[in-house]
Amino acid sequence: MYLYFLPTLNQTPLSDASQAKGDVAGDGSSEADEVQIPIPTADGGVEHTNARFLPASVWLRLAQEGRIILFPPQFFLLHQVAQHFDRLPSPTAYASLSREPVPREELESRRKRLLEFVKSGTPPWTEMCISPSVQPPRGGKRREDGRVVLGLHRPGPELEAMRGGGGGRKREGVREECVLVDFKKEGPRRLEVVSRAEAMGNKEGSKL
């Protein structure tokens, strides 16, 4: 996963890129050309998908309502982004997102918090490797809601094999959280990020 932030402030008018390039040719400076930011626009459905920009919480809500498909890794990562970008009264209260515009200074502050977050943890999020794996039902019984528990602690068989053979450093994922999902023919539904203890039905937590 990569984090890419579009600039929140642009000194060069976006509506006249040709004029900016003309200025560059005139004074020999490349500064104006470097700040050109393309404006995302729809193409009327010519391509298979159109760009649509929405807060992380909105995408999560749409997925939970069954209006779009998000796969567990996408849902989990957007959930983490929402915790730092969207002021939610609780971690999964996606529908309570305010519609008020976010001031640029506040947006910059939220971006900073997100960058600090991805560098935190043991190991840091920037070094985590997550390969979701289905966890066996606790006590041999399926969850009452029929959903599957996906553990996020394993880095994947390839990295585990490398570590077992004495090559490379140990890679880990996330142990404190899991994803609940109902796999349907049309795709994953009823996604939810929960604590490991809640997922395994044990208040004290369970070893995955």
Protein backbone atom coordinates (compact mmCIF):
# COMPACT_ATOMS: atom_id res chain seq x y z
CA MET A 1 0.00 0.00 0.00
CA TYR A 2 1.17 3.51 -0.82
CA LEU A 3 0.03 6.77 0.74
CA TYR A 4 -0.17 9.64 -1.73
CA PHE A 5 -1.49 13.05 -0.73
CA LEU A 6 -2.66 15.57 -3.30
CA PRO A 7 -1.46 19.11 -2.50
CA THR A 8 -3.86 21.14 -0.36
CA LEU A 9 -2.54 24.45 -1.65
CA ASN A 10 -1.42 25.33 -5.16
CA GLN A 11 0.16 28.66 -6.02
CA THR A 12 -0.31 28.24 -9.77
CA PRO A 13 -3.86 28.55 -11.23
CA LEU A 14 -5.06 25.14 -12.36
CA SER A 15 -7.36 26.47 -15.06
CA ASP A 16 -4.62 27.73 -17.38
CA ALA A 17 -1.83 25.17 -17.58
CA SER A 18 -0.87 26.32 -21.08
CA GLN A 19 -0.20 29.83 -19.84
CA ALA A 20 1.97 28.49 -17.02
CA LYS A 21 4.00 26.50 -19.53
CA GLY A 22 4.36 29.61 -21.64
CA ASP A 23 5.78 31.46 -18.65
CA VAL A 24 8.27 28.68 -18.15
CA ALA A 25 9.48 29.02 -21.71
CA GLY A 26 9.83 32.74 -21.21
CA ASP A 27 11.90 32.91 -18.04
CA GLY A 28 13.64 29.54 -18.08
CA SER A 29 12.23 28.56 -14.67
CA SER A 30 10.79 25.08 -14.13
CA GLU A 31 9.06 25.93 -10.84
CA ALA A 32 5.67 26.73 -12.38
CA ASP A 33 5.65 23.51 -14.40
CA GLU A 34 6.38 21.43 -11.31
CA VAL A 35 3.24 22.52 -9.48
CA GLN A 36 0.75 21.62 -12.22
CA ILE A 37 -1.93 19.42 -10.66
CA PRO A 38 -4.37 17.58 -12.95
CA ILE A 39 -8.00 18.09 -12.00
CA PRO A 40 -9.79 14.71 -11.68
CA THR A 41 -12.73 14.64 -14.08
CA ALA A 42 -15.13 11.93 -15.22
CA ASP A 43 -14.93 10.72 -18.82
CA GLY A 44 -18.60 9.82 -19.18
CA GLY A 45 -18.06 6.13 -18.62
CA VAL A 46 -15.61 5.59 -21.50
CA GLU A 47 -13.20 3.78 -19.21
CA HIS A 48 -14.22 0.84 -17.06
CA THR A 49 -14.08 2.97 -13.92
CA ASN A 50 -14.36 6.65 -13.12
CA ALA A 51 -12.43 8.42 -10.40
CA ARG A 52 -14.55 9.29 -7.40
CA PHE A 53 -13.17 11.02 -4.32
CA LEU A 54 -14.91 10.34 -1.01
CA PRO A 55 -13.84 10.20 2.65
CA ALA A 56 -12.65 6.81 3.88
CA SER A 57 -15.68 6.49 6.16
CA VAL A 58 -18.06 6.90 3.22
CA TRP A 59 -16.45 4.05 1.29
CA LEU A 60 -16.64 1.88 4.40
CA ARG A 61 -20.31 2.71 4.92
CA LEU A 62 -21.15 2.00 1.27
CA ALA A 63 -19.44 -1.39 1.57
CA GLN A 64 -21.37 -2.26 4.73
CA GLU A 65 -24.62 -1.25 3.02
CA GLY A 66 -23.82 -3.61 0.14
CA ARG A 67 -23.67 -0.82 -2.44
CA ILE A 68 -20.03 -1.42 -3.39
CA ILE A 69 -17.54 -4.27 -3.10
CA LEU A 70 -14.51 -3.86 -0.87
CA PHE A 71 -12.28 -6.83 -0.20
CA PRO A 72 -11.10 -7.40 3.39
CA PRO A 73 -7.60 -5.88 2.90
CA GLN A 74 -9.10 -2.75 1.32
CA PHE A 75 -11.71 -2.46 4.05
CA PHE A 76 -9.15 -2.90 6.83
CA LEU A 77 -6.73 -0.30 5.46
CA LEU A 78 -9.50 2.24 4.83
CA HIS A 79 -10.68 1.63 8.39
CA GLN A 80 -7.23 2.61 9.66
CA VAL A 81 -7.23 5.75 7.51
CA ALA A 82 -10.69 6.72 8.78
CA GLN A 83 -9.47 6.67 12.38
CA HIS A 84 -7.10 9.54 11.60
CA PHE A 85 -8.87 11.43 8.82
CA ASP A 86 -12.49 11.32 9.92
CA ARG A 87 -13.63 12.52 13.32
CA LEU A 88 -15.81 9.59 14.38
CA PRO A 89 -17.47 9.23 17.80
CA SER A 90 -16.46 5.55 17.76
CA PRO A 91 -14.08 3.56 15.51
CA THR A 92 -16.83 2.02 13.35
CA ALA A 93 -19.40 4.86 13.35
CA TYR A 94 -18.82 5.52 9.65
CA ALA A 95 -22.30 6.96 9.04
CA SER A 96 -21.75 9.75 11.59
CA LEU A 97 -19.14 11.53 9.47
CA SER A 98 -19.75 15.28 9.37
CA ARG A 99 -20.50 16.88 6.01
CA GLU A 100 -18.86 20.14 7.02
CA PRO A 101 -15.80 21.14 4.92
CA VAL A 102 -12.47 20.50 6.61
CA PRO A 103 -10.21 23.59 6.83
CA ARG A 104 -6.87 23.20 5.12
CA GLU A 105 -4.94 23.56 8.39
CA GLU A 106 -6.99 20.76 9.97
CA LEU A 107 -6.51 18.57 6.90
CA GLU A 108 -2.75 19.06 7.10
CA SER A 109 -2.88 18.15 10.80
CA ARG A 110 -4.80 14.94 10.07
CA ARG A 111 -2.32 13.99 7.38
CA LYS A 112 0.50 14.46 9.83
CA ARG A 113 -1.24 12.22 12.38
CA LEU A 114 -1.70 9.50 9.77
CA LEU A 115 1.98 9.62 8.80
CA GLU A 116 2.96 9.40 12.46
CA PHE A 117 0.63 6.42 12.86
CA VAL A 118 2.10 4.39 9.99
CA LYS A 119 5.55 4.80 11.51
CA SER A 120 4.37 3.56 14.90
CA GLY A 121 3.84 0.05 16.25
CA THR A 122 5.98 -3.04 16.75
CA PRO A 123 6.80 -3.67 14.00
CA PRO A 124 5.95 -0.28 12.45
CA TRP A 125 3.01 -0.31 10.06
CA THR A 126 5.42 0.58 7.25
CA GLU A 127 7.10 -2.81 7.75
CA MET A 128 4.07 -5.00 8.44
CA CYS A 129 3.17 -7.77 6.02
CA ILE A 130 -0.42 -8.97 6.24
CA SER A 131 -1.83 -12.06 4.57
CA PRO A 132 -5.41 -12.56 5.83
CA SER A 133 -6.10 -16.15 6.89
CA VAL A 134 -9.34 -17.81 7.96
CA GLN A 135 -9.29 -18.67 11.65
CA PRO A 136 -10.83 -21.97 12.82
CA PRO A 137 -14.07 -21.59 14.76
CA ARG A 138 -13.54 -21.41 18.50
CA GLY A 139 -14.69 -24.67 20.09
CA GLY A 140 -15.53 -26.03 16.64
CA LYS A 141 -18.64 -23.86 16.37
CA ARG A 142 -19.25 -21.24 13.73
CA ARG A 143 -20.13 -17.71 14.71
CA GLU A 144 -23.84 -17.19 15.24
CA ASP A 145 -23.91 -14.47 12.57
CA GLY A 146 -22.36 -16.85 10.02
CA ARG A 147 -19.38 -14.63 9.30
CA VAL A 148 -15.80 -15.83 8.92
CA VAL A 149 -12.98 -14.52 11.09
CA LEU A 150 -9.90 -13.39 9.15
CA GLY A 151 -6.72 -13.19 11.19
CA LEU A 152 -4.23 -10.53 10.12
CA HIS A 153 -1.16 -11.68 12.04
CA ARG A 154 0.50 -13.86 9.40
CA PRO A 155 2.80 -12.38 6.72
CA GLY A 156 2.03 -15.07 4.16
CA PRO A 157 3.52 -18.50 3.32
CA GLU A 158 6.29 -17.12 1.10
CA LEU A 159 7.75 -14.88 3.80
CA GLU A 160 7.24 -17.54 6.46
CA ALA A 161 9.13 -20.05 4.30
CA MET A 162 12.00 -17.60 3.86
CA ARG A 163 12.19 -17.09 7.60
CA GLY A 164 12.07 -20.83 8.25
CA GLY A 165 14.96 -21.37 5.87
CA GLY A 166 17.13 -18.91 7.72
CA GLY A 167 16.79 -16.15 5.14
CA GLY A 168 15.52 -12.66 5.82
CA ARG A 169 14.15 -11.07 8.93
CA LYS A 170 10.95 -12.01 10.67
CA ARG A 171 7.85 -10.37 9.23
CA GLU A 172 4.63 -9.91 11.14
CA GLY A 173 1.15 -8.57 10.68
CA VAL A 174 -1.49 -7.21 13.07
CA ARG A 175 -2.37 -9.29 16.12
CA GLU A 176 -4.79 -6.96 17.90
CA GLU A 177 -7.47 -6.80 15.19
CA CYS A 178 -9.39 -9.13 12.89
CA VAL A 179 -11.84 -8.71 10.05
CA LEU A 180 -15.27 -10.33 10.04
CA VAL A 181 -16.66 -11.11 6.60
CA ASP A 182 -19.51 -12.96 4.94
CA PHE A 183 -18.27 -14.38 1.63
CA LYS A 184 -21.07 -14.32 -0.91
CA LYS A 185 -21.17 -15.24 -4.59
CA GLU A 186 -21.12 -11.56 -5.57
CA GLY A 187 -18.23 -10.80 -3.23
CA PRO A 188 -17.46 -10.12 0.44
CA ARG A 189 -20.30 -8.63 2.48
CA ARG A 190 -20.99 -7.54 6.09
CA LEU A 191 -17.38 -6.54 6.66
CA GLU A 192 -16.34 -5.32 10.08
CA VAL A 193 -13.05 -4.63 11.86
CA VAL A 194 -13.09 -5.88 15.45
CA SER A 195 -10.64 -6.69 18.20
CA ARG A 196 -9.14 -10.16 18.33
CA ALA A 197 -10.90 -10.82 21.64
CA GLU A 198 -14.30 -9.94 20.17
CA ALA A 199 -13.68 -11.95 17.01
CA MET A 200 -12.77 -15.08 18.95
CA GLY A 201 -15.55 -14.63 21.49
CA ASN A 202 -13.20 -14.29 24.43
CA LYS A 203 -12.95 -11.16 26.53
CA GLU A 204 -9.42 -12.10 27.55
CA GLY A 205 -8.30 -12.62 23.98
CA SER A 206 -7.20 -15.79 22.23
CA LYS A 207 -3.99 -16.95 20.67
CA LEU A 208 -4.43 -17.09 16.92
